[in-house]
Amino acid sequence: MDDKAIDNLLVQYAQERTPVLRQERRTQLINAINYLLVNDFHKLVVVLYRVDVSEPKLKKLLQANPQTDAAVIIADLLIERQAEKIKTRDSFKGKRDIPDDEKW
């Protein structure tokens, strides 16, 4: 599995407009993460670092929820982080009106 597949699923999840389709993408993401957990843990770690998932938060959630599938927790954190990135990007999109004295 290409580690970009998870990135693609995250983008597709963000673009879906209906809860049913979002749930399908989330399920696909969980399956992809389970695959990496079993077959290529290093690649999963690379994805987590690239998306910038909080390691302390992940550890805390995994320890607090030992009965929950780790892939579900990881998928939800990836989705949450992606949403934060989109929100941050959107908040800076309209801020092009920089005063002349502050331009480089």
N, C-alpha and C. Protein backbone atom coordinates (compact mmCIF):
# COMPACT_ATOMS: atom_id res chain seq x y z
N MET A 1 0.84 -1.19 0.00
CA MET A 1 0.00 0.00 0.00
C MET A 1 0.88 1.24 0.00
N ASP A 2 0.58 2.16 -0.88
CA ASP A 2 1.28 3.43 -0.99
C ASP A 2 0.82 4.32 0.17
N ASP A 3 1.78 4.97 0.85
CA ASP A 3 1.40 5.81 1.98
C ASP A 3 0.60 7.04 1.54
N LYS A 4 0.66 7.37 0.27
CA LYS A 4 -0.16 8.48 -0.25
C LYS A 4 -1.64 8.09 -0.32
N ALA A 5 -1.93 6.80 -0.25
CA ALA A 5 -3.33 6.35 -0.27
C ALA A 5 -4.09 6.92 0.93
N ILE A 6 -3.43 6.99 2.07
CA ILE A 6 -4.09 7.55 3.25
C ILE A 6 -4.32 9.04 3.05
N ASP A 7 -3.34 9.73 2.48
CA ASP A 7 -3.53 11.15 2.19
C ASP A 7 -4.72 11.35 1.26
N ASN A 8 -4.82 10.51 0.24
CA ASN A 8 -5.94 10.61 -0.70
C ASN A 8 -7.28 10.37 -0.01
N LEU A 9 -7.32 9.39 0.88
CA LEU A 9 -8.56 9.11 1.60
C LEU A 9 -8.95 10.28 2.50
N LEU A 10 -7.96 10.93 3.11
CA LEU A 10 -8.26 12.09 3.95
C LEU A 10 -8.83 13.24 3.12
N VAL A 11 -8.27 13.46 1.94
CA VAL A 11 -8.79 14.50 1.05
C VAL A 11 -10.21 14.16 0.61
N GLN A 12 -10.42 12.90 0.23
CA GLN A 12 -11.75 12.47 -0.21
C GLN A 12 -12.75 12.61 0.93
N TYR A 13 -12.35 12.26 2.15
CA TYR A 13 -13.23 12.39 3.30
C TYR A 13 -13.66 13.85 3.46
N ALA A 14 -12.70 14.76 3.37
CA ALA A 14 -13.01 16.18 3.56
C ALA A 14 -13.94 16.71 2.47
N GLN A 15 -13.87 16.12 1.28
CA GLN A 15 -14.68 16.59 0.16
C GLN A 15 -16.09 16.00 0.15
N GLU A 16 -16.29 14.91 0.85
CA GLU A 16 -17.62 14.27 0.86
C GLU A 16 -18.61 15.17 1.59
N ARG A 17 -19.82 15.23 1.06
CA ARG A 17 -20.84 16.11 1.63
C ARG A 17 -21.91 15.36 2.41
N THR A 18 -22.03 14.06 2.21
CA THR A 18 -23.08 13.31 2.91
C THR A 18 -22.47 12.44 4.00
N PRO A 19 -23.18 12.27 5.11
CA PRO A 19 -22.67 11.42 6.19
C PRO A 19 -22.39 9.98 5.74
N VAL A 20 -23.20 9.45 4.85
CA VAL A 20 -23.02 8.07 4.39
C VAL A 20 -21.69 7.93 3.66
N LEU A 21 -21.40 8.87 2.77
CA LEU A 21 -20.15 8.81 2.02
C LEU A 21 -18.94 9.08 2.92
N ARG A 22 -19.12 9.97 3.88
CA ARG A 22 -18.02 10.22 4.83
C ARG A 22 -17.73 8.95 5.64
N GLN A 23 -18.77 8.26 6.06
CA GLN A 23 -18.57 7.02 6.82
C GLN A 23 -17.86 5.98 5.96
N GLU A 24 -18.20 5.91 4.68
CA GLU A 24 -17.52 4.97 3.78
C GLU A 24 -16.04 5.30 3.69
N ARG A 25 -15.71 6.57 3.55
CA ARG A 25 -14.30 6.99 3.48
C ARG A 25 -13.60 6.69 4.79
N ARG A 26 -14.28 6.93 5.92
CA ARG A 26 -13.69 6.65 7.23
C ARG A 26 -13.39 5.16 7.36
N THR A 27 -14.32 4.32 6.91
CA THR A 27 -14.12 2.87 6.95
C THR A 27 -12.94 2.47 6.08
N GLN A 28 -12.83 3.07 4.90
CA GLN A 28 -11.68 2.78 4.03
C GLN A 28 -10.38 3.21 4.70
N LEU A 29 -10.41 4.34 5.37
CA LEU A 29 -9.23 4.84 6.08
C LEU A 29 -8.85 3.89 7.22
N ILE A 30 -9.83 3.43 7.97
CA ILE A 30 -9.57 2.48 9.06
C ILE A 30 -8.96 1.20 8.51
N ASN A 31 -9.48 0.70 7.41
CA ASN A 31 -8.93 -0.51 6.79
C ASN A 31 -7.49 -0.30 6.34
N ALA A 32 -7.21 0.86 5.76
CA ALA A 32 -5.84 1.16 5.31
C ALA A 32 -4.89 1.24 6.50
N ILE A 33 -5.34 1.84 7.58
CA ILE A 33 -4.51 1.95 8.78
C ILE A 33 -4.28 0.58 9.39
N ASN A 34 -5.32 -0.25 9.46
CA ASN A 34 -5.14 -1.62 9.96
C ASN A 34 -4.11 -2.38 9.13
N TYR A 35 -4.18 -2.20 7.81
CA TYR A 35 -3.21 -2.86 6.93
C TYR A 35 -1.79 -2.42 7.29
N LEU A 36 -1.59 -1.11 7.47
CA LEU A 36 -0.26 -0.62 7.81
C LEU A 36 0.17 -1.06 9.21
N LEU A 37 -0.76 -1.11 10.15
CA LEU A 37 -0.42 -1.59 11.50
C LEU A 37 0.14 -3.01 11.46
N VAL A 38 -0.44 -3.83 10.62
CA VAL A 38 -0.03 -5.24 10.54
C VAL A 38 1.18 -5.44 9.62
N ASN A 39 1.20 -4.73 8.50
CA ASN A 39 2.18 -5.05 7.46
C ASN A 39 3.33 -4.06 7.29
N ASP A 40 3.14 -2.81 7.70
CA ASP A 40 4.20 -1.82 7.48
C ASP A 40 4.06 -0.69 8.50
N PHE A 41 4.39 -1.00 9.75
CA PHE A 41 4.23 -0.04 10.83
C PHE A 41 5.05 1.22 10.59
N HIS A 42 6.25 1.05 10.05
CA HIS A 42 7.11 2.21 9.78
C HIS A 42 6.42 3.21 8.85
N LYS A 43 5.76 2.71 7.83
CA LYS A 43 5.06 3.58 6.88
C LYS A 43 3.93 4.33 7.59
N LEU A 44 3.25 3.66 8.53
CA LEU A 44 2.20 4.32 9.29
C LEU A 44 2.78 5.46 10.13
N VAL A 45 3.92 5.21 10.75
CA VAL A 45 4.57 6.25 11.55
C VAL A 45 4.93 7.45 10.68
N VAL A 46 5.43 7.19 9.47
CA VAL A 46 5.76 8.26 8.53
C VAL A 46 4.51 9.09 8.21
N VAL A 47 3.40 8.42 7.98
CA VAL A 47 2.14 9.13 7.69
C VAL A 47 1.73 9.99 8.88
N LEU A 48 1.81 9.44 10.08
CA LEU A 48 1.42 10.19 11.27
C LEU A 48 2.28 11.43 11.45
N TYR A 49 3.58 11.30 11.20
CA TYR A 49 4.46 12.47 11.31
C TYR A 49 4.17 13.48 10.20
N ARG A 50 3.95 13.00 8.99
CA ARG A 50 3.71 13.90 7.86
C ARG A 50 2.42 14.70 8.06
N VAL A 51 1.39 14.04 8.57
CA VAL A 51 0.11 14.73 8.80
C VAL A 51 0.18 15.56 10.09
N ASP A 52 1.18 15.29 10.91
CA ASP A 52 1.43 16.02 12.15
C ASP A 52 0.41 15.69 13.23
N VAL A 53 0.16 14.40 13.41
CA VAL A 53 -0.71 13.94 14.49
C VAL A 53 0.08 14.03 15.80
N SER A 54 -0.54 14.53 16.83
CA SER A 54 0.11 14.69 18.13
C SER A 54 0.41 13.32 18.74
N GLU A 55 1.69 13.04 18.92
CA GLU A 55 2.09 11.76 19.51
C GLU A 55 1.59 11.61 20.94
N PRO A 56 1.73 12.64 21.81
CA PRO A 56 1.20 12.49 23.17
C PRO A 56 -0.31 12.24 23.19
N LYS A 57 -1.04 12.93 22.32
CA LYS A 57 -2.49 12.75 22.26
C LYS A 57 -2.83 11.33 21.82
N LEU A 58 -2.11 10.82 20.81
CA LEU A 58 -2.34 9.46 20.33
C LEU A 58 -2.06 8.45 21.44
N LYS A 59 -0.94 8.59 22.12
CA LYS A 59 -0.60 7.67 23.21
C LYS A 59 -1.66 7.70 24.31
N LYS A 60 -2.09 8.90 24.67
CA LYS A 60 -3.10 9.05 25.72
C LYS A 60 -4.40 8.36 25.33
N LEU A 61 -4.85 8.58 24.09
CA LEU A 61 -6.10 7.96 23.64
C LEU A 61 -5.99 6.43 23.56
N LEU A 62 -4.85 5.95 23.10
CA LEU A 62 -4.66 4.49 23.01
C LEU A 62 -4.66 3.86 24.41
N GLN A 63 -4.01 4.53 25.37
CA GLN A 63 -3.97 4.00 26.74
C GLN A 63 -5.34 4.09 27.42
N ALA A 64 -6.08 5.15 27.14
CA ALA A 64 -7.38 5.34 27.78
C ALA A 64 -8.47 4.46 27.18
N ASN A 65 -8.22 3.92 25.98
CA ASN A 65 -9.23 3.12 25.27
C ASN A 65 -8.63 1.81 24.77
N PRO A 66 -8.16 0.96 25.68
CA PRO A 66 -7.50 -0.28 25.24
C PRO A 66 -8.43 -1.25 24.51
N GLN A 67 -9.73 -1.12 24.72
CA GLN A 67 -10.69 -2.01 24.06
C GLN A 67 -11.07 -1.54 22.66
N THR A 68 -10.70 -0.30 22.31
CA THR A 68 -11.04 0.26 21.00
C THR A 68 -9.96 -0.09 19.99
N ASP A 69 -10.39 -0.45 18.78
CA ASP A 69 -9.46 -0.74 17.70
C ASP A 69 -8.53 0.46 17.50
N ALA A 70 -7.23 0.23 17.54
CA ALA A 70 -6.25 1.30 17.39
C ALA A 70 -6.44 2.03 16.06
N ALA A 71 -6.80 1.32 15.02
CA ALA A 71 -6.99 1.95 13.71
C ALA A 71 -8.13 2.97 13.73
N VAL A 72 -9.15 2.72 14.53
CA VAL A 72 -10.27 3.66 14.65
C VAL A 72 -9.78 4.95 15.31
N ILE A 73 -9.01 4.80 16.38
CA ILE A 73 -8.48 5.97 17.08
C ILE A 73 -7.56 6.77 16.16
N ILE A 74 -6.68 6.07 15.46
CA ILE A 74 -5.73 6.73 14.56
C ILE A 74 -6.48 7.42 13.42
N ALA A 75 -7.46 6.75 12.85
CA ALA A 75 -8.23 7.35 11.75
C ALA A 75 -8.92 8.63 12.21
N ASP A 76 -9.53 8.59 13.38
CA ASP A 76 -10.22 9.77 13.88
C ASP A 76 -9.25 10.93 14.15
N LEU A 77 -8.05 10.60 14.64
CA LEU A 77 -7.05 11.65 14.86
C LEU A 77 -6.55 12.23 13.53
N LEU A 78 -6.37 11.38 12.54
CA LEU A 78 -5.96 11.87 11.22
C LEU A 78 -7.03 12.79 10.63
N ILE A 79 -8.28 12.38 10.74
CA ILE A 79 -9.39 13.20 10.23
C ILE A 79 -9.45 14.53 10.98
N GLU A 80 -9.31 14.47 12.30
CA GLU A 80 -9.35 15.68 13.11
C GLU A 80 -8.21 16.64 12.72
N ARG A 81 -7.01 16.09 12.55
CA ARG A 81 -5.86 16.93 12.21
C ARG A 81 -6.03 17.55 10.82
N GLN A 82 -6.54 16.76 9.89
CA GLN A 82 -6.78 17.27 8.54
C GLN A 82 -7.79 18.42 8.58
N ALA A 83 -8.83 18.28 9.39
CA ALA A 83 -9.84 19.33 9.51
C ALA A 83 -9.22 20.60 10.11
N GLU A 84 -8.32 20.44 11.08
CA GLU A 84 -7.64 21.59 11.66
C GLU A 84 -6.80 22.32 10.61
N LYS A 85 -6.10 21.55 9.78
CA LYS A 85 -5.27 22.15 8.73
C LYS A 85 -6.12 22.93 7.73
N ILE A 86 -7.24 22.36 7.34
CA ILE A 86 -8.14 23.02 6.39
C ILE A 86 -8.67 24.31 6.99
N LYS A 87 -9.07 24.26 8.25
CA LYS A 87 -9.60 25.45 8.93
C LYS A 87 -8.53 26.54 9.00
N THR A 88 -7.31 26.16 9.30
CA THR A 88 -6.21 27.13 9.37
C THR A 88 -5.95 27.76 8.01
N ARG A 89 -5.88 26.92 6.97
CA ARG A 89 -5.67 27.43 5.61
C ARG A 89 -6.78 28.41 5.21
N ASP A 90 -8.01 28.02 5.51
CA ASP A 90 -9.15 28.87 5.15
C ASP A 90 -9.11 30.21 5.89
N SER A 91 -8.63 30.21 7.12
CA SER A 91 -8.59 31.45 7.89
C SER A 91 -7.55 32.43 7.33
N PHE A 92 -6.56 31.93 6.60
CA PHE A 92 -5.53 32.80 6.04
C PHE A 92 -5.78 33.15 4.57
N LYS A 93 -6.74 32.52 3.94
CA LYS A 93 -7.00 32.76 2.51
C LYS A 93 -7.34 34.21 2.21
N GLY A 94 -8.18 34.81 2.99
CA GLY A 94 -8.65 36.16 2.70
C GLY A 94 -7.74 37.26 3.22
N LYS A 95 -6.65 36.92 3.84
CA LYS A 95 -5.80 37.93 4.46
C LYS A 95 -4.66 38.35 3.54
N ARG A 96 -5.03 38.90 2.39
CA ARG A 96 -4.05 39.34 1.40
C ARG A 96 -3.80 40.85 1.48
N ASP A 97 -4.61 41.53 2.26
CA ASP A 97 -4.52 42.99 2.32
C ASP A 97 -3.49 43.42 3.38
N ILE A 98 -2.22 43.26 3.03
CA ILE A 98 -1.13 43.62 3.93
C ILE A 98 -0.78 45.09 3.69
N PRO A 99 -0.70 45.87 4.75
CA PRO A 99 -0.33 47.28 4.57
C PRO A 99 1.05 47.40 3.91
N ASP A 100 1.24 48.45 3.12
CA ASP A 100 2.50 48.63 2.38
C ASP A 100 3.71 48.66 3.30
N ASP A 101 3.57 49.25 4.48
CA ASP A 101 4.72 49.35 5.38
C ASP A 101 5.10 48.01 6.01
N GLU A 102 4.24 46.99 5.87
CA GLU A 102 4.55 45.66 6.40
C GLU A 102 4.95 44.66 5.33
N LYS A 103 4.90 45.08 4.07
CA LYS A 103 5.30 44.18 2.98
C LYS A 103 6.81 44.10 2.90
N TRP A 104 7.30 43.01 2.39
CA TRP A 104 8.75 42.82 2.26
C TRP A 104 9.18 43.37 0.98
